[in-house]
Amino acid sequence: MDEKKSADLKIGQTRAASDTRAHGADRQPGKIARGAVPGPGQKYREYRLKMVSAAHANVDAMFEYAEAALRAQSVSELIELSAAHSRRQLENMAEQTREMAMAAQKFASEAARPS
């Protein structure tokens, strides 16, 4: 049980450091041009930004897992890391899917409105 907590802690620490980098002012997709496209174009742009953000988060998570896996001291620790990573990725994927579905609905409803 202590190994599982240790594995979750290692990945959590790496994720916290990554989140700090990913959410810096220079890494926010579209920060400068936000609001530049009116109407449905803006909603579509928001949808695309959510897709890019999700891809970025998934790539970061994969690198975090790879780094933690390389530091694993035993096969059991590697298995625990893999299970924790898989569980978090499934949770993240479900959240990302919800967010993208909401953004797609907003885009579709905005695009369906008569001009």
PDB file of N, CA and C in Angstrom:
ATOM      1  N   MET A   1       0.818  -1.185   0.000  1.00  0.00           N
ATOM      2  CA  MET A   1       0.000   0.000   0.000  1.00  0.00           C
ATOM      3  C   MET A   1       0.865   1.254   0.000  1.00  0.00           C
ATOM      4  N   ASP A   2       1.992   1.217   0.732  1.00  0.00           N
ATOM      5  CA  ASP A   2       2.889   2.364   0.764  1.00  0.00           C
ATOM      6  C   ASP A   2       3.507   2.615  -0.609  1.00  0.00           C
ATOM      7  N   GLU A   3       3.769   1.542  -1.357  1.00  0.00           N
ATOM      8  CA  GLU A   3       4.333   1.710  -2.692  1.00  0.00           C
ATOM      9  C   GLU A   3       3.344   2.426  -3.600  1.00  0.00           C
ATOM     10  N   LYS A   4       2.061   2.104  -3.467  1.00  0.00           N
ATOM     11  CA  LYS A   4       1.037   2.760  -4.289  1.00  0.00           C
ATOM     12  C   LYS A   4       0.976   4.243  -3.979  1.00  0.00           C
ATOM     13  N   LYS A   5       0.989   4.594  -2.707  1.00  0.00           N
ATOM     14  CA  LYS A   5       0.972   6.004  -2.323  1.00  0.00           C
ATOM     15  C   LYS A   5       2.218   6.705  -2.841  1.00  0.00           C
ATOM     16  N   SER A   6       3.338   6.016  -2.760  1.00  0.00           N
ATOM     17  CA  SER A   6       4.594   6.581  -3.247  1.00  0.00           C
ATOM     18  C   SER A   6       4.523   6.812  -4.755  1.00  0.00           C
ATOM     19  N   ALA A   7       3.972   5.849  -5.482  1.00  0.00           N
ATOM     20  CA  ALA A   7       3.856   5.977  -6.937  1.00  0.00           C
ATOM     21  C   ALA A   7       2.933   7.134  -7.297  1.00  0.00           C
ATOM     22  N   ASP A   8       1.780   7.232  -6.612  1.00  0.00           N
ATOM     23  CA  ASP A   8       0.851   8.327  -6.868  1.00  0.00           C
ATOM     24  C   ASP A   8       1.490   9.664  -6.529  1.00  0.00           C
ATOM     25  N   LEU A   9       2.257   9.716  -5.452  1.00  0.00           N
ATOM     26  CA  LEU A   9       2.912  10.944  -5.036  1.00  0.00           C
ATOM     27  C   LEU A   9       3.941  11.376  -6.070  1.00  0.00           C
ATOM     28  N   LYS A  10       4.737  10.422  -6.569  1.00  0.00           N
ATOM     29  CA  LYS A  10       5.754  10.754  -7.569  1.00  0.00           C
ATOM     30  C   LYS A  10       5.119  11.343  -8.813  1.00  0.00           C
ATOM     31  N   ILE A  11       4.065  10.700  -9.301  1.00  0.00           N
ATOM     32  CA  ILE A  11       3.403  11.195 -10.505  1.00  0.00           C
ATOM     33  C   ILE A  11       2.722  12.525 -10.206  1.00  0.00           C
ATOM     34  N   GLY A  12       2.121  12.658  -9.032  1.00  0.00           N
ATOM     35  CA  GLY A  12       1.466  13.910  -8.659  1.00  0.00           C
ATOM     36  C   GLY A  12       2.438  15.068  -8.587  1.00  0.00           C
ATOM     37  N   GLN A  13       3.644  14.820  -8.058  1.00  0.00           N
ATOM     38  CA  GLN A  13       4.646  15.875  -7.967  1.00  0.00           C
ATOM     39  C   GLN A  13       5.094  16.296  -9.361  1.00  0.00           C
ATOM     40  N   THR A  14       5.299  15.320 -10.222  1.00  0.00           N
ATOM     41  CA  THR A  14       5.703  15.628 -11.588  1.00  0.00           C
ATOM     42  C   THR A  14       4.594  16.390 -12.300  1.00  0.00           C
ATOM     43  N   ARG A  15       3.348  15.973 -12.081  1.00  0.00           N
ATOM     44  CA  ARG A  15       2.206  16.647 -12.712  1.00  0.00           C
ATOM     45  C   ARG A  15       2.094  18.085 -12.210  1.00  0.00           C
ATOM     46  N   ALA A  16       2.303  18.317 -10.922  1.00  0.00           N
ATOM     47  CA  ALA A  16       2.221  19.674 -10.377  1.00  0.00           C
ATOM     48  C   ALA A  16       3.262  20.573 -11.026  1.00  0.00           C
ATOM     49  N   ALA A  17       4.470  20.062 -11.192  1.00  0.00           N
ATOM     50  CA  ALA A  17       5.514  20.850 -11.835  1.00  0.00           C
ATOM     51  C   ALA A  17       5.148  21.118 -13.289  1.00  0.00           C
ATOM     52  N   SER A  18       4.592  20.131 -13.956  1.00  0.00           N
ATOM     53  CA  SER A  18       4.189  20.285 -15.350  1.00  0.00           C
ATOM     54  C   SER A  18       3.039  21.274 -15.479  1.00  0.00           C
ATOM     55  N   ASP A  19       2.065  21.206 -14.552  1.00  0.00           N
ATOM     56  CA  ASP A  19       0.935  22.134 -14.584  1.00  0.00           C
ATOM     57  C   ASP A  19       1.420  23.565 -14.435  1.00  0.00           C
ATOM     58  N   THR A  20       2.411  23.775 -13.597  1.00  0.00           N
ATOM     59  CA  THR A  20       2.945  25.117 -13.402  1.00  0.00           C
ATOM     60  C   THR A  20       3.534  25.633 -14.704  1.00  0.00           C
ATOM     61  N   ARG A  21       4.264  24.780 -15.407  1.00  0.00           N
ATOM     62  CA  ARG A  21       4.838  25.184 -16.693  1.00  0.00           C
ATOM     63  C   ARG A  21       3.750  25.372 -17.736  1.00  0.00           C
ATOM     64  N   ALA A  22       2.797  24.452 -17.790  1.00  0.00           N
ATOM     65  CA  ALA A  22       1.777  24.454 -18.842  1.00  0.00           C
ATOM     66  C   ALA A  22       0.820  25.628 -18.718  1.00  0.00           C
ATOM     67  N   HIS A  23       0.628  26.119 -17.509  1.00  0.00           N
ATOM     68  CA  HIS A  23      -0.336  27.195 -17.327  1.00  0.00           C
ATOM     69  C   HIS A  23       0.320  28.554 -17.199  1.00  0.00           C
ATOM     70  N   GLY A  24       1.594  28.623 -17.574  1.00  0.00           N
ATOM     71  CA  GLY A  24       2.266  29.908 -17.570  1.00  0.00           C
ATOM     72  C   GLY A  24       1.693  30.793 -18.658  1.00  0.00           C
ATOM     73  N   ALA A  25       1.920  32.094 -18.544  1.00  0.00           N
ATOM     74  CA  ALA A  25       1.352  33.051 -19.483  1.00  0.00           C
ATOM     75  C   ALA A  25       1.787  32.771 -20.913  1.00  0.00           C
ATOM     76  N   ASP A  26       3.001  32.266 -21.092  1.00  0.00           N
ATOM     77  CA  ASP A  26       3.500  32.030 -22.438  1.00  0.00           C
ATOM     78  C   ASP A  26       2.958  30.743 -23.051  1.00  0.00           C
ATOM     79  N   ARG A  27       2.243  29.912 -22.291  1.00  0.00           N
ATOM     80  CA  ARG A  27       1.781  28.623 -22.794  1.00  0.00           C
ATOM     81  C   ARG A  27       0.267  28.559 -22.958  1.00  0.00           C
ATOM     82  N   GLN A  28      -0.427  29.664 -22.781  1.00  0.00           N
ATOM     83  CA  GLN A  28      -1.874  29.644 -22.914  1.00  0.00           C
ATOM     84  C   GLN A  28      -2.234  29.846 -24.375  1.00  0.00           C
ATOM     85  N   PRO A  29      -2.778  28.776 -25.022  1.00  0.00           N
ATOM     86  CA  PRO A  29      -3.093  28.877 -26.439  1.00  0.00           C
ATOM     87  C   PRO A  29      -4.092  29.993 -26.710  1.00  0.00           C
ATOM     88  N   GLY A  30      -3.774  30.832 -27.653  1.00  0.00           N
ATOM     89  CA  GLY A  30      -4.708  31.838 -28.116  1.00  0.00           C
ATOM     90  C   GLY A  30      -4.938  33.000 -27.173  1.00  0.00           C
ATOM     91  N   LYS A  31      -4.094  33.191 -26.186  1.00  0.00           N
ATOM     92  CA  LYS A  31      -4.319  34.268 -25.220  1.00  0.00           C
ATOM     93  C   LYS A  31      -4.346  35.631 -25.900  1.00  0.00           C
ATOM     94  N   ILE A  32      -3.464  35.871 -26.817  1.00  0.00           N
ATOM     95  CA  ILE A  32      -3.366  37.171 -27.465  1.00  0.00           C
ATOM     96  C   ILE A  32      -4.560  37.435 -28.383  1.00  0.00           C
ATOM     97  N   ALA A  33      -4.972  36.439 -29.146  1.00  0.00           N
ATOM     98  CA  ALA A  33      -6.016  36.642 -30.144  1.00  0.00           C
ATOM     99  C   ALA A  33      -7.420  36.365 -29.617  1.00  0.00           C
ATOM    100  N   ARG A  34      -7.578  36.094 -28.350  1.00  0.00           N
ATOM    101  CA  ARG A  34      -8.887  35.787 -27.794  1.00  0.00           C
ATOM    102  C   ARG A  34      -9.858  36.929 -28.085  1.00  0.00           C
ATOM    103  N   GLY A  35     -11.034  36.564 -28.574  1.00  0.00           N
ATOM    104  CA  GLY A  35     -12.045  37.572 -28.852  1.00  0.00           C
ATOM    105  C   GLY A  35     -11.897  38.197 -30.222  1.00  0.00           C
ATOM    106  N   ALA A  36     -10.927  37.783 -31.008  1.00  0.00           N
ATOM    107  CA  ALA A  36     -10.702  38.380 -32.315  1.00  0.00           C
ATOM    108  C   ALA A  36     -11.675  37.873 -33.363  1.00  0.00           C
ATOM    109  N   VAL A  37     -12.291  36.709 -33.154  1.00  0.00           N
ATOM    110  CA  VAL A  37     -13.192  36.121 -34.139  1.00  0.00           C
ATOM    111  C   VAL A  37     -14.608  36.136 -33.570  1.00  0.00           C
ATOM    112  N   PRO A  38     -15.537  36.826 -34.210  1.00  0.00           N
ATOM    113  CA  PRO A  38     -16.901  36.908 -33.683  1.00  0.00           C
ATOM    114  C   PRO A  38     -17.742  35.687 -34.018  1.00  0.00           C
ATOM    115  N   GLY A  39     -18.843  35.511 -33.290  1.00  0.00           N
ATOM    116  CA  GLY A  39     -19.864  34.513 -33.601  1.00  0.00           C
ATOM    117  C   GLY A  39     -19.391  33.082 -33.575  1.00  0.00           C
ATOM    118  N   PRO A  40     -19.912  32.281 -34.527  1.00  0.00           N
ATOM    119  CA  PRO A  40     -19.589  30.847 -34.557  1.00  0.00           C
ATOM    120  C   PRO A  40     -18.097  30.575 -34.694  1.00  0.00           C
ATOM    121  N   GLY A  41     -17.393  31.474 -35.365  1.00  0.00           N
ATOM    122  CA  GLY A  41     -15.948  31.289 -35.518  1.00  0.00           C
ATOM    123  C   GLY A  41     -15.239  31.253 -34.177  1.00  0.00           C
ATOM    124  N   GLN A  42     -15.706  32.075 -33.244  1.00  0.00           N
ATOM    125  CA  GLN A  42     -15.104  32.102 -31.904  1.00  0.00           C
ATOM    126  C   GLN A  42     -15.365  30.787 -31.182  1.00  0.00           C
ATOM    127  N   LYS A  43     -16.584  30.258 -31.279  1.00  0.00           N
ATOM    128  CA  LYS A  43     -16.916  28.999 -30.611  1.00  0.00           C
ATOM    129  C   LYS A  43     -16.111  27.844 -31.208  1.00  0.00           C
ATOM    130  N   TYR A  44     -15.943  27.861 -32.533  1.00  0.00           N
ATOM    131  CA  TYR A  44     -15.149  26.815 -33.173  1.00  0.00           C
ATOM    132  C   TYR A  44     -13.697  26.919 -32.733  1.00  0.00           C
ATOM    133  N   ARG A  45     -13.206  28.138 -32.611  1.00  0.00           N
ATOM    134  CA  ARG A  45     -11.841  28.364 -32.156  1.00  0.00           C
ATOM    135  C   ARG A  45     -11.670  27.843 -30.729  1.00  0.00           C
ATOM    136  N   GLU A  46     -12.650  28.100 -29.862  1.00  0.00           N
ATOM    137  CA  GLU A  46     -12.605  27.603 -28.487  1.00  0.00           C
ATOM    138  C   GLU A  46     -12.570  26.071 -28.476  1.00  0.00           C
ATOM    139  N   TYR A  47     -13.344  25.449 -29.361  1.00  0.00           N
ATOM    140  CA  TYR A  47     -13.359  23.987 -29.467  1.00  0.00           C
ATOM    141  C   TYR A  47     -11.971  23.475 -29.870  1.00  0.00           C
ATOM    142  N   ARG A  48     -11.389  24.110 -30.871  1.00  0.00           N
ATOM    143  CA  ARG A  48     -10.045  23.691 -31.312  1.00  0.00           C
ATOM    144  C   ARG A  48      -9.020  23.878 -30.207  1.00  0.00           C
ATOM    145  N   LEU A  49      -9.122  24.971 -29.456  1.00  0.00           N
ATOM    146  CA  LEU A  49      -8.193  25.196 -28.350  1.00  0.00           C
ATOM    147  C   LEU A  49      -8.345  24.131 -27.271  1.00  0.00           C
ATOM    148  N   LYS A  50      -9.573  23.682 -27.025  1.00  0.00           N
ATOM    149  CA  LYS A  50      -9.787  22.602 -26.055  1.00  0.00           C
ATOM    150  C   LYS A  50      -9.126  21.316 -26.549  1.00  0.00           C
ATOM    151  N   MET A  51      -9.221  21.060 -27.851  1.00  0.00           N
ATOM    152  CA  MET A  51      -8.586  19.867 -28.414  1.00  0.00           C
ATOM    153  C   MET A  51      -7.070  19.934 -28.250  1.00  0.00           C
ATOM    154  N   VAL A  52      -6.491  21.084 -28.541  1.00  0.00           N
ATOM    155  CA  VAL A  52      -5.041  21.248 -28.416  1.00  0.00           C
ATOM    156  C   VAL A  52      -4.625  21.118 -26.952  1.00  0.00           C
ATOM    157  N   SER A  53      -5.402  21.717 -26.068  1.00  0.00           N
ATOM    158  CA  SER A  53      -5.108  21.640 -24.644  1.00  0.00           C
ATOM    159  C   SER A  53      -5.166  20.194 -24.142  1.00  0.00           C
ATOM    160  N   ALA A  54      -6.174  19.443 -24.593  1.00  0.00           N
ATOM    161  CA  ALA A  54      -6.294  18.039 -24.196  1.00  0.00           C
ATOM    162  C   ALA A  54      -5.103  17.229 -24.714  1.00  0.00           C
ATOM    163  N   ALA A  55      -4.718  17.472 -25.957  1.00  0.00           N
ATOM    164  CA  ALA A  55      -3.568  16.749 -26.521  1.00  0.00           C
ATOM    165  C   ALA A  55      -2.306  17.077 -25.741  1.00  0.00           C
ATOM    166  N   HIS A  56      -2.138  18.345 -25.395  1.00  0.00           N
ATOM    167  CA  HIS A  56      -0.972  18.773 -24.628  1.00  0.00           C
ATOM    168  C   HIS A  56      -0.940  18.072 -23.266  1.00  0.00           C
ATOM    169  N   ALA A  57      -2.082  18.034 -22.592  1.00  0.00           N
ATOM    170  CA  ALA A  57      -2.161  17.381 -21.278  1.00  0.00           C
ATOM    171  C   ALA A  57      -1.847  15.889 -21.395  1.00  0.00           C
ATOM    172  N   ASN A  58      -2.333  15.253 -22.452  1.00  0.00           N
ATOM    173  CA  ASN A  58      -2.097  13.825 -22.627  1.00  0.00           C
ATOM    174  C   ASN A  58      -0.625  13.523 -22.910  1.00  0.00           C
ATOM    175  N   VAL A  59       0.007  14.355 -23.702  1.00  0.00           N
ATOM    176  CA  VAL A  59       1.433  14.162 -23.990  1.00  0.00           C
ATOM    177  C   VAL A  59       2.253  14.384 -22.715  1.00  0.00           C
ATOM    178  N   ASP A  60       1.912  15.431 -21.960  1.00  0.00           N
ATOM    179  CA  ASP A  60       2.604  15.676 -20.693  1.00  0.00           C
ATOM    180  C   ASP A  60       2.466  14.481 -19.753  1.00  0.00           C
ATOM    181  N   ALA A  61       1.253  13.937 -19.668  1.00  0.00           N
ATOM    182  CA  ALA A  61       1.012  12.798 -18.781  1.00  0.00           C
ATOM    183  C   ALA A  61       1.832  11.580 -19.224  1.00  0.00           C
ATOM    184  N   MET A  62       1.959  11.387 -20.521  1.00  0.00           N
ATOM    185  CA  MET A  62       2.738  10.249 -21.015  1.00  0.00           C
ATOM    186  C   MET A  62       4.217  10.406 -20.660  1.00  0.00           C
ATOM    187  N   PHE A  63       4.739  11.621 -20.815  1.00  0.00           N
ATOM    188  CA  PHE A  63       6.137  11.847 -20.450  1.00  0.00           C
ATOM    189  C   PHE A  63       6.343  11.692 -18.945  1.00  0.00           C
ATOM    190  N   GLU A  64       5.402  12.156 -18.152  1.00  0.00           N
ATOM    191  CA  GLU A  64       5.497  11.989 -16.702  1.00  0.00           C
ATOM    192  C   GLU A  64       5.536  10.509 -16.344  1.00  0.00           C
ATOM    193  N   TYR A  65       4.663   9.743 -16.989  1.00  0.00           N
ATOM    194  CA  TYR A  65       4.637   8.298 -16.732  1.00  0.00           C
ATOM    195  C   TYR A  65       5.971   7.661 -17.144  1.00  0.00           C
ATOM    196  N   ALA A  66       6.473   8.041 -18.315  1.00  0.00           N
ATOM    197  CA  ALA A  66       7.734   7.462 -18.792  1.00  0.00           C
ATOM    198  C   ALA A  66       8.880   7.772 -17.829  1.00  0.00           C
ATOM    199  N   GLU A  67       8.931   9.019 -17.345  1.00  0.00           N
ATOM    200  CA  GLU A  67       9.972   9.388 -16.387  1.00  0.00           C
ATOM    201  C   GLU A  67       9.856   8.579 -15.098  1.00  0.00           C
ATOM    202  N   ALA A  68       8.634   8.452 -14.591  1.00  0.00           N
ATOM    203  CA  ALA A  68       8.414   7.694 -13.354  1.00  0.00           C
ATOM    204  C   ALA A  68       8.730   6.215 -13.576  1.00  0.00           C
ATOM    205  N   ALA A  69       8.375   5.682 -14.738  1.00  0.00           N
ATOM    206  CA  ALA A  69       8.633   4.275 -15.033  1.00  0.00           C
ATOM    207  C   ALA A  69      10.137   3.990 -15.083  1.00  0.00           C
ATOM    208  N   LEU A  70      10.883   4.932 -15.619  1.00  0.00           N
ATOM    209  CA  LEU A  70      12.333   4.747 -15.679  1.00  0.00           C
ATOM    210  C   LEU A  70      12.969   4.758 -14.292  1.00  0.00           C
ATOM    211  N   ARG A  71      12.327   5.418 -13.335  1.00  0.00           N
ATOM    212  CA  ARG A  71      12.847   5.482 -11.974  1.00  0.00           C
ATOM    213  C   ARG A  71      12.334   4.347 -11.096  1.00  0.00           C
ATOM    214  N   ALA A  72      11.436   3.532 -11.610  1.00  0.00           N
ATOM    215  CA  ALA A  72      10.860   2.436 -10.815  1.00  0.00           C
ATOM    216  C   ALA A  72      11.979   1.511 -10.326  1.00  0.00           C
ATOM    217  N   GLN A  73      11.870   1.126  -9.070  1.00  0.00           N
ATOM    218  CA  GLN A  73      12.892   0.288  -8.454  1.00  0.00           C
ATOM    219  C   GLN A  73      12.580  -1.200  -8.547  1.00  0.00           C
ATOM    220  N   SER A  74      11.312  -1.514  -8.843  1.00  0.00           N
ATOM    221  CA  SER A  74      10.927  -2.925  -8.921  1.00  0.00           C
ATOM    222  C   SER A  74       9.782  -3.081  -9.924  1.00  0.00           C
ATOM    223  N   VAL A  75       9.535  -4.327 -10.264  1.00  0.00           N
ATOM    224  CA  VAL A  75       8.443  -4.623 -11.180  1.00  0.00           C
ATOM    225  C   VAL A  75       7.104  -4.257 -10.543  1.00  0.00           C
ATOM    226  N   SER A  76       6.967  -4.519  -9.248  1.00  0.00           N
ATOM    227  CA  SER A  76       5.702  -4.188  -8.580  1.00  0.00           C
ATOM    228  C   SER A  76       5.473  -2.678  -8.572  1.00  0.00           C
ATOM    229  N   GLU A  77       6.516  -1.891  -8.399  1.00  0.00           N
ATOM    230  CA  GLU A  77       6.373  -0.433  -8.448  1.00  0.00           C
ATOM    231  C   GLU A  77       5.975   0.012  -9.854  1.00  0.00           C
ATOM    232  N   LEU A  78       6.548  -0.601 -10.871  1.00  0.00           N
ATOM    233  CA  LEU A  78       6.200  -0.286 -12.246  1.00  0.00           C
ATOM    234  C   LEU A  78       4.739  -0.615 -12.531  1.00  0.00           C
ATOM    235  N   ILE A  79       4.280  -1.750 -12.020  1.00  0.00           N
ATOM    236  CA  ILE A  79       2.878  -2.143 -12.209  1.00  0.00           C
ATOM    237  C   ILE A  79       1.960  -1.144 -11.515  1.00  0.00           C
ATOM    238  N   GLU A  80       2.312  -0.713 -10.326  1.00  0.00           N
ATOM    239  CA  GLU A  80       1.501   0.279  -9.612  1.00  0.00           C
ATOM    240  C   GLU A  80       1.488   1.615 -10.336  1.00  0.00           C
ATOM    241  N   LEU A  81       2.641   2.020 -10.846  1.00  0.00           N
ATOM    242  CA  LEU A  81       2.707   3.251 -11.628  1.00  0.00           C
ATOM    243  C   LEU A  81       1.807   3.156 -12.858  1.00  0.00           C
ATOM    244  N   SER A  82       1.872   2.020 -13.532  1.00  0.00           N
ATOM    245  CA  SER A  82       1.062   1.817 -14.732  1.00  0.00           C
ATOM    246  C   SER A  82      -0.425   1.861 -14.410  1.00  0.00           C
ATOM    247  N   ALA A  83      -0.811   1.222 -13.318  1.00  0.00           N
ATOM    248  CA  ALA A  83      -2.223   1.219 -12.926  1.00  0.00           C
ATOM    249  C   ALA A  83      -2.684   2.629 -12.557  1.00  0.00           C
ATOM    250  N   ALA A  84      -1.860   3.347 -11.812  1.00  0.00           N
ATOM    251  CA  ALA A  84      -2.221   4.713 -11.422  1.00  0.00           C
ATOM    252  C   ALA A  84      -2.310   5.614 -12.647  1.00  0.00           C
ATOM    253  N   HIS A  85      -1.370   5.470 -13.561  1.00  0.00           N
ATOM    254  CA  HIS A  85      -1.387   6.277 -14.784  1.00  0.00           C
ATOM    255  C   HIS A  85      -2.632   5.970 -15.616  1.00  0.00           C
ATOM    256  N   SER A  86      -2.934   4.701 -15.770  1.00  0.00           N
ATOM    257  CA  SER A  86      -4.111   4.308 -16.554  1.00  0.00           C
ATOM    258  C   SER A  86      -5.392   4.852 -15.933  1.00  0.00           C
ATOM    259  N   ARG A  87      -5.503   4.752 -14.616  1.00  0.00           N
ATOM    260  CA  ARG A  87      -6.693   5.250 -13.926  1.00  0.00           C
ATOM    261  C   ARG A  87      -6.846   6.758 -14.142  1.00  0.00           C
ATOM    262  N   ARG A  88      -5.744   7.494 -13.956  1.00  0.00           N
ATOM    263  CA  ARG A  88      -5.801   8.957 -14.141  1.00  0.00           C
ATOM    264  C   ARG A  88      -6.108   9.322 -15.586  1.00  0.00           C
ATOM    265  N   GLN A  89      -5.535   8.607 -16.526  1.00  0.00           N
ATOM    266  CA  GLN A  89      -5.786   8.917 -17.928  1.00  0.00           C
ATOM    267  C   GLN A  89      -7.244   8.657 -18.307  1.00  0.00           C
ATOM    268  N   LEU A  90      -7.826   7.607 -17.765  1.00  0.00           N
ATOM    269  CA  LEU A  90      -9.252   7.357 -18.034  1.00  0.00           C
ATOM    270  C   LEU A  90     -10.113   8.473 -17.454  1.00  0.00           C
ATOM    271  N   GLU A  91      -9.771   8.923 -16.247  1.00  0.00           N
ATOM    272  CA  GLU A  91     -10.509  10.033 -15.638  1.00  0.00           C
ATOM    273  C   GLU A  91     -10.329  11.308 -16.461  1.00  0.00           C
ATOM    274  N   ASN A  92      -9.097  11.576 -16.868  1.00  0.00           N
ATOM    275  CA  ASN A  92      -8.826  12.763 -17.680  1.00  0.00           C
ATOM    276  C   ASN A  92      -9.546  12.701 -19.017  1.00  0.00           C
ATOM    277  N   MET A  93      -9.541  11.526 -19.628  1.00  0.00           N
ATOM    278  CA  MET A  93     -10.198  11.364 -20.914  1.00  0.00           C
ATOM    279  C   MET A  93     -11.700  11.614 -20.799  1.00  0.00           C
ATOM    280  N   ALA A  94     -12.297  11.130 -19.720  1.00  0.00           N
ATOM    281  CA  ALA A  94     -13.732  11.360 -19.513  1.00  0.00           C
ATOM    282  C   ALA A  94     -14.005  12.855 -19.356  1.00  0.00           C
ATOM    283  N   GLU A  95     -13.185  13.547 -18.588  1.00  0.00           N
ATOM    284  CA  GLU A  95     -13.361  14.993 -18.395  1.00  0.00           C
ATOM    285  C   GLU A  95     -13.129  15.754 -19.699  1.00  0.00           C
ATOM    286  N   GLN A  96     -12.094  15.380 -20.434  1.00  0.00           N
ATOM    287  CA  GLN A  96     -11.804  16.036 -21.707  1.00  0.00           C
ATOM    288  C   GLN A  96     -12.946  15.820 -22.698  1.00  0.00           C
ATOM    289  N   THR A  97     -13.512  14.627 -22.699  1.00  0.00           N
ATOM    290  CA  THR A  97     -14.622  14.338 -23.590  1.00  0.00           C
ATOM    291  C   THR A  97     -15.823  15.205 -23.246  1.00  0.00           C
ATOM    292  N   ARG A  98     -16.113  15.350 -21.947  1.00  0.00           N
ATOM    293  CA  ARG A  98     -17.221  16.218 -21.518  1.00  0.00           C
ATOM    294  C   ARG A  98     -16.984  17.662 -21.959  1.00  0.00           C
ATOM    295  N   GLU A  99     -15.770  18.151 -21.734  1.00  0.00           N
ATOM    296  CA  GLU A  99     -15.458  19.533 -22.097  1.00  0.00           C
ATOM    297  C   GLU A  99     -15.569  19.759 -23.601  1.00  0.00           C
ATOM    298  N   MET A 100     -15.058  18.825 -24.382  1.00  0.00           N
ATOM    299  CA  MET A 100     -15.128  18.987 -25.835  1.00  0.00           C
ATOM    300  C   MET A 100     -16.562  18.861 -26.339  1.00  0.00           C
ATOM    301  N   ALA A 101     -17.340  17.996 -25.727  1.00  0.00           N
ATOM    302  CA  ALA A 101     -18.749  17.865 -26.122  1.00  0.00           C
ATOM    303  C   ALA A 101     -19.505  19.161 -25.834  1.00  0.00           C
ATOM    304  N   MET A 102     -19.240  19.764 -24.682  1.00  0.00           N
ATOM    305  CA  MET A 102     -19.883  21.034 -24.351  1.00  0.00           C
ATOM    306  C   MET A 102     -19.465  22.131 -25.337  1.00  0.00           C
ATOM    307  N   ALA A 103     -18.184  22.179 -25.665  1.00  0.00           N
ATOM    308  CA  ALA A 103     -17.699  23.180 -26.614  1.00  0.00           C
ATOM    309  C   ALA A 103     -18.304  22.949 -28.000  1.00  0.00           C
ATOM    310  N   ALA A 104     -18.434  21.687 -28.402  1.00  0.00           N
ATOM    311  CA  ALA A 104     -19.032  21.369 -29.703  1.00  0.00           C
ATOM    312  C   ALA A 104     -20.506  21.761 -29.725  1.00  0.00           C
ATOM    313  N   GLN A 105     -21.214  21.536 -28.626  1.00  0.00           N
ATOM    314  CA  GLN A 105     -22.624  21.933 -28.555  1.00  0.00           C
ATOM    315  C   GLN A 105     -22.767  23.442 -28.652  1.00  0.00           C
ATOM    316  N   LYS A 106     -21.905  24.185 -27.962  1.00  0.00           N
ATOM    317  CA  LYS A 106     -21.948  25.649 -28.037  1.00  0.00           C
ATOM    318  C   LYS A 106     -21.704  26.113 -29.464  1.00  0.00           C
ATOM    319  N   PHE A 107     -20.716  25.510 -30.113  1.00  0.00           N
ATOM    320  CA  PHE A 107     -20.410  25.865 -31.490  1.00  0.00           C
ATOM    321  C   PHE A 107     -21.595  25.569 -32.399  1.00  0.00           C
ATOM    322  N   ALA A 108     -22.177  24.371 -32.243  1.00  0.00           N
ATOM    323  CA  ALA A 108     -23.298  23.974 -33.100  1.00  0.00           C
ATOM    324  C   ALA A 108     -24.505  24.887 -32.888  1.00  0.00           C
ATOM    325  N   SER A 109     -24.806  25.217 -31.650  1.00  0.00           N
ATOM    326  CA  SER A 109     -25.969  26.079 -31.393  1.00  0.00           C
ATOM    327  C   SER A 109     -25.725  27.489 -31.918  1.00  0.00           C
ATOM    328  N   GLU A 110     -24.490  27.984 -31.795  1.00  0.00           N
ATOM    329  CA  GLU A 110     -24.150  29.322 -32.312  1.00  0.00           C
ATOM    330  C   GLU A 110     -24.201  29.322 -33.836  1.00  0.00           C
ATOM    331  N   ALA A 111     -23.715  28.258 -34.447  1.00  0.00           N
ATOM    332  CA  ALA A 111     -23.692  28.183 -35.915  1.00  0.00           C
ATOM    333  C   ALA A 111     -25.098  28.021 -36.487  1.00  0.00           C
ATOM    334  N   ALA A 112     -25.998  27.415 -35.732  1.00  0.00           N
ATOM    335  CA  ALA A 112     -27.357  27.184 -36.214  1.00  0.00           C
ATOM    336  C   ALA A 112     -28.230  28.439 -36.128  1.00  0.00           C
ATOM    337  N   ARG A 113     -27.828  29.412 -35.348  1.00  0.00           N
ATOM    338  CA  ARG A 113     -28.596  30.642 -35.222  1.00  0.00           C
ATOM    339  C   ARG A 113     -28.548  31.424 -36.533  1.00  0.00           C
ATOM    340  N   PRO A 114     -29.697  31.967 -36.924  1.00  0.00           N
ATOM    341  CA  PRO A 114     -29.683  32.791 -38.141  1.00  0.00           C
ATOM    342  C   PRO A 114     -28.928  34.095 -37.890  1.00  0.00           C
ATOM    343  N   SER A 115     -28.236  34.544 -38.879  1.00  0.00           N
ATOM    344  CA  SER A 115     -27.422  35.760 -38.747  1.00  0.00           C
ATOM    345  C   SER A 115     -28.241  37.001 -38.666  1.00  0.00           C
TER     346      SER A 115
END
